[in-house]
Each structure stands twice: as structure tokens, then as C-alpha cells.
Amino acid sequence: MPDRLERGVWPHPALSFDEVADFLAKVLKQGDIWFPFQREPHRPGEVVREGGTIERQGENRYIYRAIASHALSPRTTLHATETTFLTPRDAALHYLRWDLNLPGDLDGWKVV
């Protein structure tokens, strides 16, 4: 860390929320069909894999799905949602706000 301070690369500058959203939109449009992982249906008795995913179903169809477990029973689904977006940017904005709570902190990087 001292060498980073010496070179002036720590703390690093904040990331622009719009630039992060643009980058994620590009990934959604050109990358794998699923982001960040392929959502598998929850099987009763297994721990709920919480969080959101985005599935690209076509050039103008992006499906955001999220699932949450019950606080006292991680094997029980409390809430599941599905939202359709027409653009990768809209899907990216939703994911960044609701799953990553941005703008804010992203693994030590400030996103503003």
C-alpha cells in the first residue's frame, strides 16, 4: 500500500455511475446470455441463491429476476420478482441500483 500512496494511485479516483452502467449495458448486449450467472430454479430443501440475474432473450428483451430467502429459513423463498426491460441500459441501471446498491461502495471503489 505505501508504494501506491507514493505513486499517487491510492486512494483511486471514484468511478462514474453512468460509465459503470454503460459498461454493464455493453456486457449485457454482447456477452453471455446470463449475467452474472445462469439462474436455476430453486429446488425445495436447498438454500436459496439470493440476488438478481439478467437474461438476454433478444435484442430488445432483458429479463431481470431476483429471489430472496426468509430471514429465519434460508431454504425458504420469501420473495421472487421478474421485470422485463427493453434496453440493456435500463436492465443495467436496475441491477446496479437494486443488487449492488449503487451509487455507493463497490468492493472499495466509490461509484458516484
PDB file of N, CA and C in Angstrom:
ATOM      1  N   MET A   1       0.815  -1.196   0.000  1.00  0.00           N
ATOM      2  CA  MET A   1       0.000   0.000   0.000  1.00  0.00           C
ATOM      3  C   MET A   1       0.861   1.263   0.000  1.00  0.00           C
ATOM      4  N   PRO A   2       1.977   1.303   0.759  1.00  0.00           N
ATOM      5  CA  PRO A   2       2.774   2.525   0.744  1.00  0.00           C
ATOM      6  C   PRO A   2       3.249   2.915  -0.657  1.00  0.00           C
ATOM      7  N   ASP A   3       3.573   1.924  -1.487  1.00  0.00           N
ATOM      8  CA  ASP A   3       4.015   2.247  -2.843  1.00  0.00           C
ATOM      9  C   ASP A   3       2.895   2.870  -3.666  1.00  0.00           C
ATOM     10  N   ARG A   4       1.667   2.449  -3.423  1.00  0.00           N
ATOM     11  CA  ARG A   4       0.527   3.046  -4.126  1.00  0.00           C
ATOM     12  C   ARG A   4       0.342   4.497  -3.694  1.00  0.00           C
ATOM     13  N   LEU A   5       0.461   4.728  -2.391  1.00  0.00           N
ATOM     14  CA  LEU A   5       0.353   6.105  -1.893  1.00  0.00           C
ATOM     15  C   LEU A   5       1.449   6.973  -2.496  1.00  0.00           C
ATOM     16  N   GLU A   6       2.645   6.427  -2.545  1.00  0.00           N
ATOM     17  CA  GLU A   6       3.805   7.151  -3.076  1.00  0.00           C
ATOM     18  C   GLU A   6       3.604   7.526  -4.542  1.00  0.00           C
ATOM     19  N   ARG A   7       3.013   6.631  -5.310  1.00  0.00           N
ATOM     20  CA  ARG A   7       2.793   6.874  -6.742  1.00  0.00           C
ATOM     21  C   ARG A   7       1.525   7.682  -7.003  1.00  0.00           C
ATOM     22  N   GLY A   8       0.757   7.924  -5.958  1.00  0.00           N
ATOM     23  CA  GLY A   8      -0.465   8.708  -6.113  1.00  0.00           C
ATOM     24  C   GLY A   8      -1.630   7.932  -6.705  1.00  0.00           C
ATOM     25  N   VAL A   9      -1.595   6.600  -6.597  1.00  0.00           N
ATOM     26  CA  VAL A   9      -2.696   5.801  -7.138  1.00  0.00           C
ATOM     27  C   VAL A   9      -3.603   5.266  -6.038  1.00  0.00           C
ATOM     28  N   TRP A  10      -3.439   5.746  -4.829  1.00  0.00           N
ATOM     29  CA  TRP A  10      -4.334   5.381  -3.741  1.00  0.00           C
ATOM     30  C   TRP A  10      -4.573   6.607  -2.902  1.00  0.00           C
ATOM     31  N   PRO A  11      -5.726   6.937  -2.523  1.00  0.00           N
ATOM     32  CA  PRO A  11      -6.937   6.245  -2.948  1.00  0.00           C
ATOM     33  C   PRO A  11      -7.217   6.524  -4.420  1.00  0.00           C
ATOM     34  N   HIS A  12      -7.796   5.561  -5.092  1.00  0.00           N
ATOM     35  CA  HIS A  12      -8.085   5.710  -6.513  1.00  0.00           C
ATOM     36  C   HIS A  12      -9.277   6.640  -6.699  1.00  0.00           C
ATOM     37  N   PRO A  13      -9.369   7.249  -7.864  1.00  0.00           N
ATOM     38  CA  PRO A  13     -10.499   8.155  -8.101  1.00  0.00           C
ATOM     39  C   PRO A  13     -11.809   7.379  -8.184  1.00  0.00           C
ATOM     40  N   ALA A  14     -12.885   8.060  -7.898  1.00  0.00           N
ATOM     41  CA  ALA A  14     -14.213   7.437  -7.946  1.00  0.00           C
ATOM     42  C   ALA A  14     -14.578   7.073  -9.380  1.00  0.00           C
ATOM     43  N   LEU A  15     -15.402   6.049  -9.498  1.00  0.00           N
ATOM     44  CA  LEU A  15     -15.942   5.649 -10.795  1.00  0.00           C
ATOM     45  C   LEU A  15     -17.257   6.378 -11.031  1.00  0.00           C
ATOM     46  N   SER A  16     -17.523   6.702 -12.262  1.00  0.00           N
ATOM     47  CA  SER A  16     -18.791   7.345 -12.629  1.00  0.00           C
ATOM     48  C   SER A  16     -19.878   6.273 -12.730  1.00  0.00           C
ATOM     49  N   PHE A  17     -20.994   6.509 -12.063  1.00  0.00           N
ATOM     50  CA  PHE A  17     -22.120   5.577 -12.133  1.00  0.00           C
ATOM     51  C   PHE A  17     -22.559   5.382 -13.582  1.00  0.00           C
ATOM     52  N   ASP A  18     -22.616   6.464 -14.349  1.00  0.00           N
ATOM     53  CA  ASP A  18     -23.029   6.364 -15.753  1.00  0.00           C
ATOM     54  C   ASP A  18     -22.061   5.512 -16.567  1.00  0.00           C
ATOM     55  N   GLU A  19     -20.765   5.646 -16.303  1.00  0.00           N
ATOM     56  CA  GLU A  19     -19.778   4.838 -17.027  1.00  0.00           C
ATOM     57  C   GLU A  19     -19.898   3.362 -16.649  1.00  0.00           C
ATOM     58  N   VAL A  20     -20.143   3.080 -15.375  1.00  0.00           N
ATOM     59  CA  VAL A  20     -20.345   1.696 -14.939  1.00  0.00           C
ATOM     60  C   VAL A  20     -21.597   1.130 -15.599  1.00  0.00           C
ATOM     61  N   ALA A  21     -22.668   1.916 -15.648  1.00  0.00           N
ATOM     62  CA  ALA A  21     -23.911   1.471 -16.278  1.00  0.00           C
ATOM     63  C   ALA A  21     -23.715   1.231 -17.774  1.00  0.00           C
ATOM     64  N   ASP A  22     -22.989   2.123 -18.436  1.00  0.00           N
ATOM     65  CA  ASP A  22     -22.719   1.946 -19.868  1.00  0.00           C
ATOM     66  C   ASP A  22     -21.915   0.674 -20.118  1.00  0.00           C
ATOM     67  N   PHE A  23     -20.917   0.436 -19.274  1.00  0.00           N
ATOM     68  CA  PHE A  23     -20.086  -0.757 -19.432  1.00  0.00           C
ATOM     69  C   PHE A  23     -20.923  -2.021 -19.231  1.00  0.00           C
ATOM     70  N   LEU A  24     -21.737  -2.047 -18.180  1.00  0.00           N
ATOM     71  CA  LEU A  24     -22.570  -3.218 -17.928  1.00  0.00           C
ATOM     72  C   LEU A  24     -23.577  -3.417 -19.063  1.00  0.00           C
ATOM     73  N   ALA A  25     -24.131  -2.342 -19.592  1.00  0.00           N
ATOM     74  CA  ALA A  25     -25.068  -2.454 -20.715  1.00  0.00           C
ATOM     75  C   ALA A  25     -24.380  -3.097 -21.919  1.00  0.00           C
ATOM     76  N   LYS A  26     -23.140  -2.737 -22.153  1.00  0.00           N
ATOM     77  CA  LYS A  26     -22.376  -3.333 -23.259  1.00  0.00           C
ATOM     78  C   LYS A  26     -22.156  -4.827 -23.019  1.00  0.00           C
ATOM     79  N   VAL A  27     -21.833  -5.187 -21.788  1.00  0.00           N
ATOM     80  CA  VAL A  27     -21.657  -6.600 -21.435  1.00  0.00           C
ATOM     81  C   VAL A  27     -22.962  -7.360 -21.641  1.00  0.00           C
ATOM     82  N   LEU A  28     -24.078  -6.779 -21.207  1.00  0.00           N
ATOM     83  CA  LEU A  28     -25.370  -7.433 -21.358  1.00  0.00           C
ATOM     84  C   LEU A  28     -25.723  -7.640 -22.830  1.00  0.00           C
ATOM     85  N   LYS A  29     -25.382  -6.673 -23.655  1.00  0.00           N
ATOM     86  CA  LYS A  29     -25.723  -6.742 -25.078  1.00  0.00           C
ATOM     87  C   LYS A  29     -24.829  -7.712 -25.841  1.00  0.00           C
ATOM     88  N   GLN A  30     -23.540  -7.766 -25.485  1.00  0.00           N
ATOM     89  CA  GLN A  30     -22.580  -8.517 -26.288  1.00  0.00           C
ATOM     90  C   GLN A  30     -22.047  -9.775 -25.610  1.00  0.00           C
ATOM     91  N   GLY A  31     -22.267  -9.924 -24.315  1.00  0.00           N
ATOM     92  CA  GLY A  31     -21.688 -11.043 -23.580  1.00  0.00           C
ATOM     93  C   GLY A  31     -22.575 -12.267 -23.578  1.00  0.00           C
ATOM     94  N   ASP A  32     -22.398 -13.085 -22.562  1.00  0.00           N
ATOM     95  CA  ASP A  32     -23.206 -14.287 -22.404  1.00  0.00           C
ATOM     96  C   ASP A  32     -24.679 -13.917 -22.266  1.00  0.00           C
ATOM     97  N   ILE A  33     -25.537 -14.897 -22.444  1.00  0.00           N
ATOM     98  CA  ILE A  33     -26.980 -14.675 -22.335  1.00  0.00           C
ATOM     99  C   ILE A  33     -27.368 -14.285 -20.907  1.00  0.00           C
ATOM    100  N   TRP A  34     -26.669 -14.827 -19.913  1.00  0.00           N
ATOM    101  CA  TRP A  34     -26.977 -14.571 -18.496  1.00  0.00           C
ATOM    102  C   TRP A  34     -25.911 -13.695 -17.860  1.00  0.00           C
ATOM    103  N   PHE A  35     -26.328 -12.841 -16.938  1.00  0.00           N
ATOM    104  CA  PHE A  35     -25.393 -12.055 -16.122  1.00  0.00           C
ATOM    105  C   PHE A  35     -25.955 -11.963 -14.718  1.00  0.00           C
ATOM    106  N   PRO A  36     -25.187 -12.087 -13.671  1.00  0.00           N
ATOM    107  CA  PRO A  36     -23.798 -12.550 -13.622  1.00  0.00           C
ATOM    108  C   PRO A  36     -23.665 -14.074 -13.662  1.00  0.00           C
ATOM    109  N   PHE A  37     -24.788 -14.785 -13.543  1.00  0.00           N
ATOM    110  CA  PHE A  37     -24.760 -16.248 -13.626  1.00  0.00           C
ATOM    111  C   PHE A  37     -26.113 -16.725 -14.138  1.00  0.00           C
ATOM    112  N   GLN A  38     -26.155 -17.956 -14.610  1.00  0.00           N
ATOM    113  CA  GLN A  38     -27.420 -18.507 -15.086  1.00  0.00           C
ATOM    114  C   GLN A  38     -28.282 -18.904 -13.901  1.00  0.00           C
ATOM    115  N   ARG A  39     -29.464 -18.335 -13.870  1.00  0.00           N
ATOM    116  CA  ARG A  39     -30.403 -18.604 -12.770  1.00  0.00           C
ATOM    117  C   ARG A  39     -31.027 -19.982 -12.965  1.00  0.00           C
ATOM    118  N   GLU A  40     -30.890 -20.808 -11.957  1.00  0.00           N
ATOM    119  CA  GLU A  40     -31.549 -22.115 -11.940  1.00  0.00           C
ATOM    120  C   GLU A  40     -32.745 -22.018 -10.993  1.00  0.00           C
ATOM    121  N   PRO A  41     -33.835 -22.694 -11.309  1.00  0.00           N
ATOM    122  CA  PRO A  41     -34.995 -22.656 -10.405  1.00  0.00           C
ATOM    123  C   PRO A  41     -34.625 -23.187  -9.015  1.00  0.00           C
ATOM    124  N   HIS A  42     -35.199 -22.561  -8.009  1.00  0.00           N
ATOM    125  CA  HIS A  42     -34.950 -23.013  -6.641  1.00  0.00           C
ATOM    126  C   HIS A  42     -35.594 -24.375  -6.427  1.00  0.00           C
ATOM    127  N   ARG A  43     -34.820 -25.279  -5.825  1.00  0.00           N
ATOM    128  CA  ARG A  43     -35.361 -26.606  -5.507  1.00  0.00           C
ATOM    129  C   ARG A  43     -35.671 -26.658  -4.019  1.00  0.00           C
ATOM    130  N   PRO A  44     -36.869 -27.079  -3.678  1.00  0.00           N
ATOM    131  CA  PRO A  44     -37.247 -27.156  -2.257  1.00  0.00           C
ATOM    132  C   PRO A  44     -36.215 -27.945  -1.454  1.00  0.00           C
ATOM    133  N   GLY A  45     -35.890 -27.423  -0.276  1.00  0.00           N
ATOM    134  CA  GLY A  45     -34.921 -28.075   0.603  1.00  0.00           C
ATOM    135  C   GLY A  45     -33.511 -27.569   0.441  1.00  0.00           C
ATOM    136  N   GLU A  46     -33.218 -26.877  -0.664  1.00  0.00           N
ATOM    137  CA  GLU A  46     -31.892 -26.308  -0.872  1.00  0.00           C
ATOM    138  C   GLU A  46     -31.883 -24.847  -0.436  1.00  0.00           C
ATOM    139  N   VAL A  47     -30.698 -24.353  -0.099  1.00  0.00           N
ATOM    140  CA  VAL A  47     -30.555 -22.947   0.282  1.00  0.00           C
ATOM    141  C   VAL A  47     -30.864 -22.077  -0.934  1.00  0.00           C
ATOM    142  N   VAL A  48     -31.630 -21.027  -0.713  1.00  0.00           N
ATOM    143  CA  VAL A  48     -31.998 -20.098  -1.781  1.00  0.00           C
ATOM    144  C   VAL A  48     -30.761 -19.303  -2.191  1.00  0.00           C
ATOM    145  N   ARG A  49     -30.474 -19.281  -3.491  1.00  0.00           N
ATOM    146  CA  ARG A  49     -29.358 -18.473  -4.003  1.00  0.00           C
ATOM    147  C   ARG A  49     -29.895 -17.077  -4.288  1.00  0.00           C
ATOM    148  N   GLU A  50     -29.681 -16.204  -3.308  1.00  0.00           N
ATOM    149  CA  GLU A  50     -30.267 -14.869  -3.377  1.00  0.00           C
ATOM    150  C   GLU A  50     -29.566 -13.992  -4.415  1.00  0.00           C
ATOM    151  N   GLY A  51     -30.280 -12.966  -4.821  1.00  0.00           N
ATOM    152  CA  GLY A  51     -29.713 -11.978  -5.728  1.00  0.00           C
ATOM    153  C   GLY A  51     -30.420 -11.961  -7.058  1.00  0.00           C
ATOM    154  N   GLY A  52     -30.002 -11.022  -7.870  1.00  0.00           N
ATOM    155  CA  GLY A  52     -30.621 -10.842  -9.169  1.00  0.00           C
ATOM    156  C   GLY A  52     -29.753 -11.325 -10.308  1.00  0.00           C
ATOM    157  N   THR A  53     -30.404 -11.685 -11.391  1.00  0.00           N
ATOM    158  CA  THR A  53     -29.730 -12.046 -12.630  1.00  0.00           C
ATOM    159  C   THR A  53     -30.466 -11.380 -13.783  1.00  0.00           C
ATOM    160  N   ILE A  54     -29.761 -11.247 -14.888  1.00  0.00           N
ATOM    161  CA  ILE A  54     -30.364 -10.693 -16.094  1.00  0.00           C
ATOM    162  C   ILE A  54     -30.167 -11.713 -17.208  1.00  0.00           C
ATOM    163  N   GLU A  55     -31.244 -12.001 -17.905  1.00  0.00           N
ATOM    164  CA  GLU A  55     -31.194 -12.906 -19.054  1.00  0.00           C
ATOM    165  C   GLU A  55     -31.533 -12.106 -20.306  1.00  0.00           C
ATOM    166  N   ARG A  56     -30.658 -12.187 -21.302  1.00  0.00           N
ATOM    167  CA  ARG A  56     -30.934 -11.547 -22.591  1.00  0.00           C
ATOM    168  C   ARG A  56     -31.736 -12.536 -23.429  1.00  0.00           C
ATOM    169  N   GLN A  57     -32.952 -12.151 -23.795  1.00  0.00           N
ATOM    170  CA  GLN A  57     -33.801 -13.027 -24.601  1.00  0.00           C
ATOM    171  C   GLN A  57     -33.946 -12.523 -26.032  1.00  0.00           C
ATOM    172  N   GLY A  58     -33.300 -11.450 -26.336  1.00  0.00           N
ATOM    173  CA  GLY A  58     -33.351 -10.874 -27.676  1.00  0.00           C
ATOM    174  C   GLY A  58     -32.767  -9.478 -27.626  1.00  0.00           C
ATOM    175  N   GLU A  59     -32.724  -8.835 -28.782  1.00  0.00           N
ATOM    176  CA  GLU A  59     -32.117  -7.509 -28.863  1.00  0.00           C
ATOM    177  C   GLU A  59     -32.836  -6.483 -27.989  1.00  0.00           C
ATOM    178  N   ASN A  60     -34.146  -6.636 -27.827  1.00  0.00           N
ATOM    179  CA  ASN A  60     -34.933  -5.674 -27.058  1.00  0.00           C
ATOM    180  C   ASN A  60     -35.702  -6.333 -25.929  1.00  0.00           C
ATOM    181  N   ARG A  61     -35.119  -7.374 -25.339  1.00  0.00           N
ATOM    182  CA  ARG A  61     -35.803  -8.061 -24.239  1.00  0.00           C
ATOM    183  C   ARG A  61     -34.773  -8.578 -23.246  1.00  0.00           C
ATOM    184  N   TYR A  62     -34.758  -7.956 -22.081  1.00  0.00           N
ATOM    185  CA  TYR A  62     -33.858  -8.325 -20.990  1.00  0.00           C
ATOM    186  C   TYR A  62     -34.710  -8.592 -19.756  1.00  0.00           C
ATOM    187  N   ILE A  63     -34.580  -9.785 -19.197  1.00  0.00           N
ATOM    188  CA  ILE A  63     -35.404 -10.178 -18.056  1.00  0.00           C
ATOM    189  C   ILE A  63     -34.535 -10.165 -16.798  1.00  0.00           C
ATOM    190  N   TYR A  64     -34.931  -9.350 -15.839  1.00  0.00           N
ATOM    191  CA  TYR A  64     -34.279  -9.312 -14.532  1.00  0.00           C
ATOM    192  C   TYR A  64     -35.100 -10.182 -13.591  1.00  0.00           C
ATOM    193  N   ARG A  65     -34.414 -11.120 -12.922  1.00  0.00           N
ATOM    194  CA  ARG A  65     -35.074 -11.975 -11.932  1.00  0.00           C
ATOM    195  C   ARG A  65     -34.295 -11.895 -10.627  1.00  0.00           C
ATOM    196  N   ALA A  66     -35.027 -11.789  -9.526  1.00  0.00           N
ATOM    197  CA  ALA A  66     -34.394 -11.758  -8.213  1.00  0.00           C
ATOM    198  C   ALA A  66     -35.177 -12.649  -7.267  1.00  0.00           C
ATOM    199  N   ILE A  67     -34.458 -13.198  -6.312  1.00  0.00           N
ATOM    200  CA  ILE A  67     -35.081 -14.067  -5.316  1.00  0.00           C
ATOM    201  C   ILE A  67     -34.427 -13.781  -3.968  1.00  0.00           C
ATOM    202  N   ALA A  68     -35.213 -13.869  -2.916  1.00  0.00           N
ATOM    203  CA  ALA A  68     -34.703 -13.658  -1.557  1.00  0.00           C
ATOM    204  C   ALA A  68     -35.253 -14.753  -0.660  1.00  0.00           C
ATOM    205  N   SER A  69     -34.462 -15.126   0.329  1.00  0.00           N
ATOM    206  CA  SER A  69     -34.899 -16.163   1.269  1.00  0.00           C
ATOM    207  C   SER A  69     -35.512 -15.526   2.509  1.00  0.00           C
ATOM    208  N   HIS A  70     -36.214 -16.333   3.253  1.00  0.00           N
ATOM    209  CA  HIS A  70     -36.775 -15.908   4.526  1.00  0.00           C
ATOM    210  C   HIS A  70     -35.618 -15.763   5.518  1.00  0.00           C
ATOM    211  N   ALA A  71     -35.657 -14.712   6.332  1.00  0.00           N
ATOM    212  CA  ALA A  71     -34.559 -14.436   7.267  1.00  0.00           C
ATOM    213  C   ALA A  71     -34.315 -15.571   8.258  1.00  0.00           C
ATOM    214  N   LEU A  72     -35.346 -16.265   8.657  1.00  0.00           N
ATOM    215  CA  LEU A  72     -35.201 -17.338   9.636  1.00  0.00           C
ATOM    216  C   LEU A  72     -35.093 -18.720   9.000  1.00  0.00           C
ATOM    217  N   SER A  73     -35.251 -18.776   7.683  1.00  0.00           N
ATOM    218  CA  SER A  73     -35.203 -20.063   6.991  1.00  0.00           C
ATOM    219  C   SER A  73     -34.573 -19.875   5.612  1.00  0.00           C
ATOM    220  N   PRO A  74     -33.259 -20.003   5.502  1.00  0.00           N
ATOM    221  CA  PRO A  74     -32.582 -19.744   4.224  1.00  0.00           C
ATOM    222  C   PRO A  74     -32.951 -20.724   3.114  1.00  0.00           C
ATOM    223  N   ARG A  75     -33.697 -21.754   3.435  1.00  0.00           N
ATOM    224  CA  ARG A  75     -34.151 -22.709   2.417  1.00  0.00           C
ATOM    225  C   ARG A  75     -35.558 -22.385   1.906  1.00  0.00           C
ATOM    226  N   THR A  76     -36.136 -21.302   2.441  1.00  0.00           N
ATOM    227  CA  THR A  76     -37.493 -20.918   2.079  1.00  0.00           C
ATOM    228  C   THR A  76     -37.470 -19.617   1.283  1.00  0.00           C
ATOM    229  N   THR A  77     -38.109 -19.619   0.122  1.00  0.00           N
ATOM    230  CA  THR A  77     -38.217 -18.409  -0.690  1.00  0.00           C
ATOM    231  C   THR A  77     -39.218 -17.456  -0.049  1.00  0.00           C
ATOM    232  N   LEU A  78     -38.783 -16.246   0.206  1.00  0.00           N
ATOM    233  CA  LEU A  78     -39.662 -15.227   0.763  1.00  0.00           C
ATOM    234  C   LEU A  78     -40.276 -14.388  -0.350  1.00  0.00           C
ATOM    235  N   HIS A  79     -39.433 -14.051  -1.336  1.00  0.00           N
ATOM    236  CA  HIS A  79     -39.871 -13.129  -2.377  1.00  0.00           C
ATOM    237  C   HIS A  79     -39.134 -13.450  -3.674  1.00  0.00           C
ATOM    238  N   ALA A  80     -39.843 -13.451  -4.767  1.00  0.00           N
ATOM    239  CA  ALA A  80     -39.252 -13.596  -6.097  1.00  0.00           C
ATOM    240  C   ALA A  80     -39.905 -12.568  -7.007  1.00  0.00           C
ATOM    241  N   THR A  81     -39.107 -11.983  -7.893  1.00  0.00           N
ATOM    242  CA  THR A  81     -39.625 -10.956  -8.791  1.00  0.00           C
ATOM    243  C   THR A  81     -39.040 -11.140 -10.182  1.00  0.00           C
ATOM    244  N   GLU A  82     -39.762 -10.647 -11.158  1.00  0.00           N
ATOM    245  CA  GLU A  82     -39.309 -10.691 -12.544  1.00  0.00           C
ATOM    246  C   GLU A  82     -39.746  -9.401 -13.218  1.00  0.00           C
ATOM    247  N   THR A  83     -38.811  -8.729 -13.870  1.00  0.00           N
ATOM    248  CA  THR A  83     -39.089  -7.463 -14.546  1.00  0.00           C
ATOM    249  C   THR A  83     -38.479  -7.512 -15.938  1.00  0.00           C
ATOM    250  N   THR A  84     -39.211  -7.052 -16.918  1.00  0.00           N
ATOM    251  CA  THR A  84     -38.736  -7.037 -18.303  1.00  0.00           C
ATOM    252  C   THR A  84     -38.298  -5.632 -18.680  1.00  0.00           C
ATOM    253  N   PHE A  85     -37.158  -5.545 -19.363  1.00  0.00           N
ATOM    254  CA  PHE A  85     -36.629  -4.270 -19.845  1.00  0.00           C
ATOM    255  C   PHE A  85     -36.426  -4.351 -21.346  1.00  0.00           C
ATOM    256  N   LEU A  86     -36.582  -3.220 -22.017  1.00  0.00           N
ATOM    257  CA  LEU A  86     -36.435  -3.170 -23.470  1.00  0.00           C
ATOM    258  C   LEU A  86     -35.017  -2.855 -23.914  1.00  0.00           C
ATOM    259  N   THR A  87     -34.209  -2.295 -22.996  1.00  0.00           N
ATOM    260  CA  THR A  87     -32.828  -1.953 -23.362  1.00  0.00           C
ATOM    261  C   THR A  87     -31.857  -2.539 -22.341  1.00  0.00           C
ATOM    262  N   PRO A  88     -30.640  -2.828 -22.784  1.00  0.00           N
ATOM    263  CA  PRO A  88     -29.645  -3.329 -21.834  1.00  0.00           C
ATOM    264  C   PRO A  88     -29.280  -2.274 -20.788  1.00  0.00           C
ATOM    265  N   ARG A  89     -29.338  -1.024 -21.155  1.00  0.00           N
ATOM    266  CA  ARG A  89     -29.009   0.039 -20.192  1.00  0.00           C
ATOM    267  C   ARG A  89     -30.035   0.096 -19.064  1.00  0.00           C
ATOM    268  N   ASP A  90     -31.314  -0.008 -19.399  1.00  0.00           N
ATOM    269  CA  ASP A  90     -32.337   0.002 -18.351  1.00  0.00           C
ATOM    270  C   ASP A  90     -32.174  -1.192 -17.413  1.00  0.00           C
ATOM    271  N   ALA A  91     -31.870  -2.355 -17.971  1.00  0.00           N
ATOM    272  CA  ALA A  91     -31.638  -3.542 -17.148  1.00  0.00           C
ATOM    273  C   ALA A  91     -30.407  -3.343 -16.270  1.00  0.00           C
ATOM    274  N   ALA A  92     -29.357  -2.745 -16.835  1.00  0.00           N
ATOM    275  CA  ALA A  92     -28.128  -2.492 -16.082  1.00  0.00           C
ATOM    276  C   ALA A  92     -28.389  -1.524 -14.931  1.00  0.00           C
ATOM    277  N   LEU A  93     -29.112  -0.454 -15.206  1.00  0.00           N
ATOM    278  CA  LEU A  93     -29.421   0.528 -14.153  1.00  0.00           C
ATOM    279  C   LEU A  93     -30.183  -0.130 -13.011  1.00  0.00           C
ATOM    280  N   HIS A  94     -31.157  -0.947 -13.341  1.00  0.00           N
ATOM    281  CA  HIS A  94     -31.943  -1.633 -12.312  1.00  0.00           C
ATOM    282  C   HIS A  94     -31.045  -2.545 -11.467  1.00  0.00           C
ATOM    283  N   TYR A  95     -30.217  -3.334 -12.122  1.00  0.00           N
ATOM    284  CA  TYR A  95     -29.312  -4.252 -11.424  1.00  0.00           C
ATOM    285  C   TYR A  95     -28.348  -3.480 -10.516  1.00  0.00           C
ATOM    286  N   LEU A  96     -27.749  -2.430 -11.031  1.00  0.00           N
ATOM    287  CA  LEU A  96     -26.776  -1.659 -10.248  1.00  0.00           C
ATOM    288  C   LEU A  96     -27.423  -1.025  -9.026  1.00  0.00           C
ATOM    289  N   ARG A  97     -28.635  -0.534  -9.175  1.00  0.00           N
ATOM    290  CA  ARG A  97     -29.318   0.126  -8.048  1.00  0.00           C
ATOM    291  C   ARG A  97     -29.831  -0.872  -7.019  1.00  0.00           C
ATOM    292  N   TRP A  98     -30.475  -1.944  -7.489  1.00  0.00           N
ATOM    293  CA  TRP A  98     -31.160  -2.848  -6.574  1.00  0.00           C
ATOM    294  C   TRP A  98     -30.279  -3.985  -6.051  1.00  0.00           C
ATOM    295  N   ASP A  99     -29.334  -4.468  -6.840  1.00  0.00           N
ATOM    296  CA  ASP A  99     -28.486  -5.570  -6.389  1.00  0.00           C
ATOM    297  C   ASP A  99     -27.180  -5.082  -5.772  1.00  0.00           C
ATOM    298  N   LEU A 100     -26.611  -4.034  -6.347  1.00  0.00           N
ATOM    299  CA  LEU A 100     -25.315  -3.554  -5.858  1.00  0.00           C
ATOM    300  C   LEU A 100     -25.432  -2.280  -5.026  1.00  0.00           C
ATOM    301  N   ASN A 101     -26.638  -1.747  -4.905  1.00  0.00           N
ATOM    302  CA  ASN A 101     -26.884  -0.540  -4.104  1.00  0.00           C
ATOM    303  C   ASN A 101     -25.982   0.621  -4.517  1.00  0.00           C
ATOM    304  N   LEU A 102     -25.897   0.830  -5.802  1.00  0.00           N
ATOM    305  CA  LEU A 102     -25.087   1.929  -6.331  1.00  0.00           C
ATOM    306  C   LEU A 102     -25.998   3.070  -6.746  1.00  0.00           C
ATOM    307  N   PRO A 103     -25.495   4.304  -6.709  1.00  0.00           N
ATOM    308  CA  PRO A 103     -24.154   4.723  -6.356  1.00  0.00           C
ATOM    309  C   PRO A 103     -23.839   4.411  -4.887  1.00  0.00           C
ATOM    310  N   GLY A 104     -22.543   4.244  -4.660  1.00  0.00           N
ATOM    311  CA  GLY A 104     -22.066   3.887  -3.330  1.00  0.00           C
ATOM    312  C   GLY A 104     -20.734   3.169  -3.432  1.00  0.00           C
ATOM    313  N   ASP A 105     -20.544   2.193  -2.542  1.00  0.00           N
ATOM    314  CA  ASP A 105     -19.274   1.470  -2.477  1.00  0.00           C
ATOM    315  C   ASP A 105     -19.382   0.145  -3.229  1.00  0.00           C
ATOM    316  N   LEU A 106     -18.384  -0.138  -4.062  1.00  0.00           N
ATOM    317  CA  LEU A 106     -18.320  -1.389  -4.819  1.00  0.00           C
ATOM    318  C   LEU A 106     -16.938  -1.996  -4.594  1.00  0.00           C
ATOM    319  N   ASP A 107     -16.839  -2.874  -3.615  1.00  0.00           N
ATOM    320  CA  ASP A 107     -15.564  -3.528  -3.272  1.00  0.00           C
ATOM    321  C   ASP A 107     -14.433  -2.519  -3.073  1.00  0.00           C
ATOM    322  N   GLY A 108     -14.712  -1.466  -2.357  1.00  0.00           N
ATOM    323  CA  GLY A 108     -13.692  -0.476  -2.056  1.00  0.00           C
ATOM    324  C   GLY A 108     -13.603   0.649  -3.085  1.00  0.00           C
ATOM    325  N   TRP A 109     -14.285   0.528  -4.194  1.00  0.00           N
ATOM    326  CA  TRP A 109     -14.324   1.586  -5.194  1.00  0.00           C
ATOM    327  C   TRP A 109     -15.560   2.440  -4.940  1.00  0.00           C
ATOM    328  N   LYS A 110     -15.392   3.724  -4.945  1.00  0.00           N
ATOM    329  CA  LYS A 110     -16.527   4.628  -4.814  1.00  0.00           C
ATOM    330  C   LYS A 110     -17.134   4.838  -6.195  1.00  0.00           C
ATOM    331  N   VAL A 111     -18.436   4.663  -6.275  1.00  0.00           N
ATOM    332  CA  VAL A 111     -19.164   4.884  -7.513  1.00  0.00           C
ATOM    333  C   VAL A 111     -20.105   6.060  -7.252  1.00  0.00           C
ATOM    334  N   VAL A 112     -19.921   7.124  -8.025  1.00  0.00           N
ATOM    335  CA  VAL A 112     -20.698   8.349  -7.803  1.00  0.00           C
ATOM    336  C   VAL A 112     -21.474   8.764  -9.041  1.00  0.00           C
TER     337      VAL A 112
END
